[in-house]
C-alpha cells in the first residue's frame, strides 16, 4: 500500500487492518516523515492515496474492503 500520513483514507484503511497492518508492505509517500520515500511513489506512478499495487500488476486506489483485498492478493 502506498499512502501518506496525513491522508484520512489511508488512516481508514489502516484501521480496517488493526494490528495486522504490520504485515502490509507500506510505502510512505510524504518526504516530511522520517521513512518517507516519495521517489518510490513517483516511480510507481502513484497519483492517489491509498494505492494498492499487486505483484501481478493490478492497481487500485481508495479505501478497500478487506474482502476485496483478500481476493486480489489471494491471501485470507
C-alpha atoms as a PDB file:
ATOM      1  CA  UNK A   1       0.000   0.000   0.000  1.00  0.00           C
ATOM      2  CA  UNK A   2       1.218   3.456  -0.908  1.00  0.00           C
ATOM      3  CA  UNK A   3      -0.068   6.278   1.255  1.00  0.00           C
ATOM      4  CA  UNK A   4       0.612   9.426   3.220  1.00  0.00           C
ATOM      5  CA  UNK A   5       0.495  10.038   6.955  1.00  0.00           C
ATOM      6  CA  UNK A   6      -1.968  12.928   6.539  1.00  0.00           C
ATOM      7  CA  UNK A   7      -4.398  11.021   4.294  1.00  0.00           C
ATOM      8  CA  UNK A   8      -7.719  10.263   6.055  1.00  0.00           C
ATOM      9  CA  UNK A   9      -8.484   7.424   3.622  1.00  0.00           C
ATOM     10  CA  UNK A  10      -5.128   5.822   4.455  1.00  0.00           C
ATOM     11  CA  UNK A  11      -5.966   6.101   8.149  1.00  0.00           C
ATOM     12  CA  UNK A  12      -9.327   4.430   7.492  1.00  0.00           C
ATOM     13  CA  UNK A  13      -7.616   1.620   5.581  1.00  0.00           C
ATOM     14  CA  UNK A  14      -5.093   1.089   8.381  1.00  0.00           C
ATOM     15  CA  UNK A  15      -7.941   0.934  10.936  1.00  0.00           C
ATOM     16  CA  UNK A  16      -9.629  -1.850   8.966  1.00  0.00           C
ATOM     17  CA  UNK A  17      -6.487  -3.964   9.357  1.00  0.00           C
ATOM     18  CA  UNK A  18      -5.983  -3.092  13.021  1.00  0.00           C
ATOM     19  CA  UNK A  19      -2.888  -4.746  14.489  1.00  0.00           C
ATOM     20  CA  UNK A  20      -2.493  -6.805  11.308  1.00  0.00           C
ATOM     21  CA  UNK A  21      -1.419  -3.733   9.324  1.00  0.00           C
ATOM     22  CA  UNK A  22       2.146  -4.557  10.403  1.00  0.00           C
ATOM     23  CA  UNK A  23       2.031  -7.357   7.804  1.00  0.00           C
ATOM     24  CA  UNK A  24       1.278  -4.939   4.954  1.00  0.00           C
ATOM     25  CA  UNK A  25       4.087  -3.669   2.774  1.00  0.00           C
ATOM     26  CA  UNK A  26       3.555   0.073   3.210  1.00  0.00           C
ATOM     27  CA  UNK A  27       5.333   2.900   1.396  1.00  0.00           C
ATOM     28  CA  UNK A  28       5.014   6.395   2.889  1.00  0.00           C
ATOM     29  CA  UNK A  29       4.919   8.921   0.052  1.00  0.00           C
ATOM     30  CA  UNK A  30       5.448  12.124   2.035  1.00  0.00           C
ATOM     31  CA  UNK A  31       9.058  13.223   2.470  1.00  0.00           C
ATOM     32  CA  UNK A  32       8.188  15.020   5.724  1.00  0.00           C
ATOM     33  CA  UNK A  33       8.130  11.668   7.523  1.00  0.00           C
ATOM     34  CA  UNK A  34      11.429  10.061   8.515  1.00  0.00           C
ATOM     35  CA  UNK A  35      10.743   6.904   6.496  1.00  0.00           C
ATOM     36  CA  UNK A  36       9.072   8.757   3.602  1.00  0.00           C
ATOM     37  CA  UNK A  37      10.041   7.598   0.117  1.00  0.00           C
ATOM     38  CA  UNK A  38       8.491   9.993  -2.395  1.00  0.00           C
ATOM     39  CA  UNK A  39      10.828   8.742  -5.127  1.00  0.00           C
ATOM     40  CA  UNK A  40       9.426   5.195  -4.819  1.00  0.00           C
ATOM     41  CA  UNK A  41       5.919   6.627  -5.090  1.00  0.00           C
ATOM     42  CA  UNK A  42       6.850   8.721  -8.111  1.00  0.00           C
ATOM     43  CA  UNK A  43       8.499   5.720  -9.769  1.00  0.00           C
ATOM     44  CA  UNK A  44       5.363   3.623  -9.132  1.00  0.00           C
ATOM     45  CA  UNK A  45       3.176   6.345 -10.666  1.00  0.00           C
ATOM     46  CA  UNK A  46       1.152   6.953  -7.508  1.00  0.00           C
ATOM     47  CA  UNK A  47      -1.435   9.694  -8.025  1.00  0.00           C
ATOM     48  CA  UNK A  48      -3.932   8.998  -5.212  1.00  0.00           C
ATOM     49  CA  UNK A  49      -3.925   7.545  -1.714  1.00  0.00           C
ATOM     50  CA  UNK A  50      -4.187   4.830  -0.694  1.00  0.00           C
ATOM     51  CA  UNK A  51      -2.991   2.929  -3.750  1.00  0.00           C
ATOM     52  CA  UNK A  52      -2.590  -0.819  -3.760  1.00  0.00           C
ATOM     53  CA  UNK A  53      -0.319  -2.466  -6.322  1.00  0.00           C
ATOM     54  CA  UNK A  54      -0.309  -6.240  -6.504  1.00  0.00           C
ATOM     55  CA  UNK A  55       2.560  -8.447  -7.637  1.00  0.00           C
ATOM     56  CA  UNK A  56       0.811  -9.270 -10.920  1.00  0.00           C
ATOM     57  CA  UNK A  57       0.373  -5.585 -11.827  1.00  0.00           C
ATOM     58  CA  UNK A  58      -3.202  -4.786 -10.825  1.00  0.00           C
ATOM     59  CA  UNK A  59      -3.516  -1.363  -9.226  1.00  0.00           C
ATOM     60  CA  UNK A  60      -6.487   0.015  -7.270  1.00  0.00           C
ATOM     61  CA  UNK A  61      -6.959   3.239  -5.335  1.00  0.00           C
ATOM     62  CA  UNK A  62      -9.091   4.321  -2.426  1.00  0.00           C
ATOM     63  CA  UNK A  63     -10.135   2.639   0.790  1.00  0.00           C
ATOM     64  CA  UNK A  64     -10.866  -1.018   0.035  1.00  0.00           C
ATOM     65  CA  UNK A  65     -12.875  -3.647   1.864  1.00  0.00           C
ATOM     66  CA  UNK A  66     -10.741  -6.390   3.345  1.00  0.00           C
ATOM     67  CA  UNK A  67     -12.679  -8.974   1.337  1.00  0.00           C
ATOM     68  CA  UNK A  68     -11.665  -7.293  -1.928  1.00  0.00           C
ATOM     69  CA  UNK A  69      -8.018  -7.036  -0.878  1.00  0.00           C
ATOM     70  CA  UNK A  70      -8.111 -10.683   0.167  1.00  0.00           C
ATOM     71  CA  UNK A  71      -9.491 -11.686  -3.208  1.00  0.00           C
ATOM     72  CA  UNK A  72      -7.000  -9.586  -5.192  1.00  0.00           C
ATOM     73  CA  UNK A  73      -3.999 -10.708  -3.141  1.00  0.00           C
ATOM     74  CA  UNK A  74      -5.097 -14.335  -2.851  1.00  0.00           C
ATOM     75  CA  UNK A  75      -4.499 -14.028   0.883  1.00  0.00           C
ATOM     76  CA  UNK A  76      -7.008 -14.928   3.576  1.00  0.00           C
END
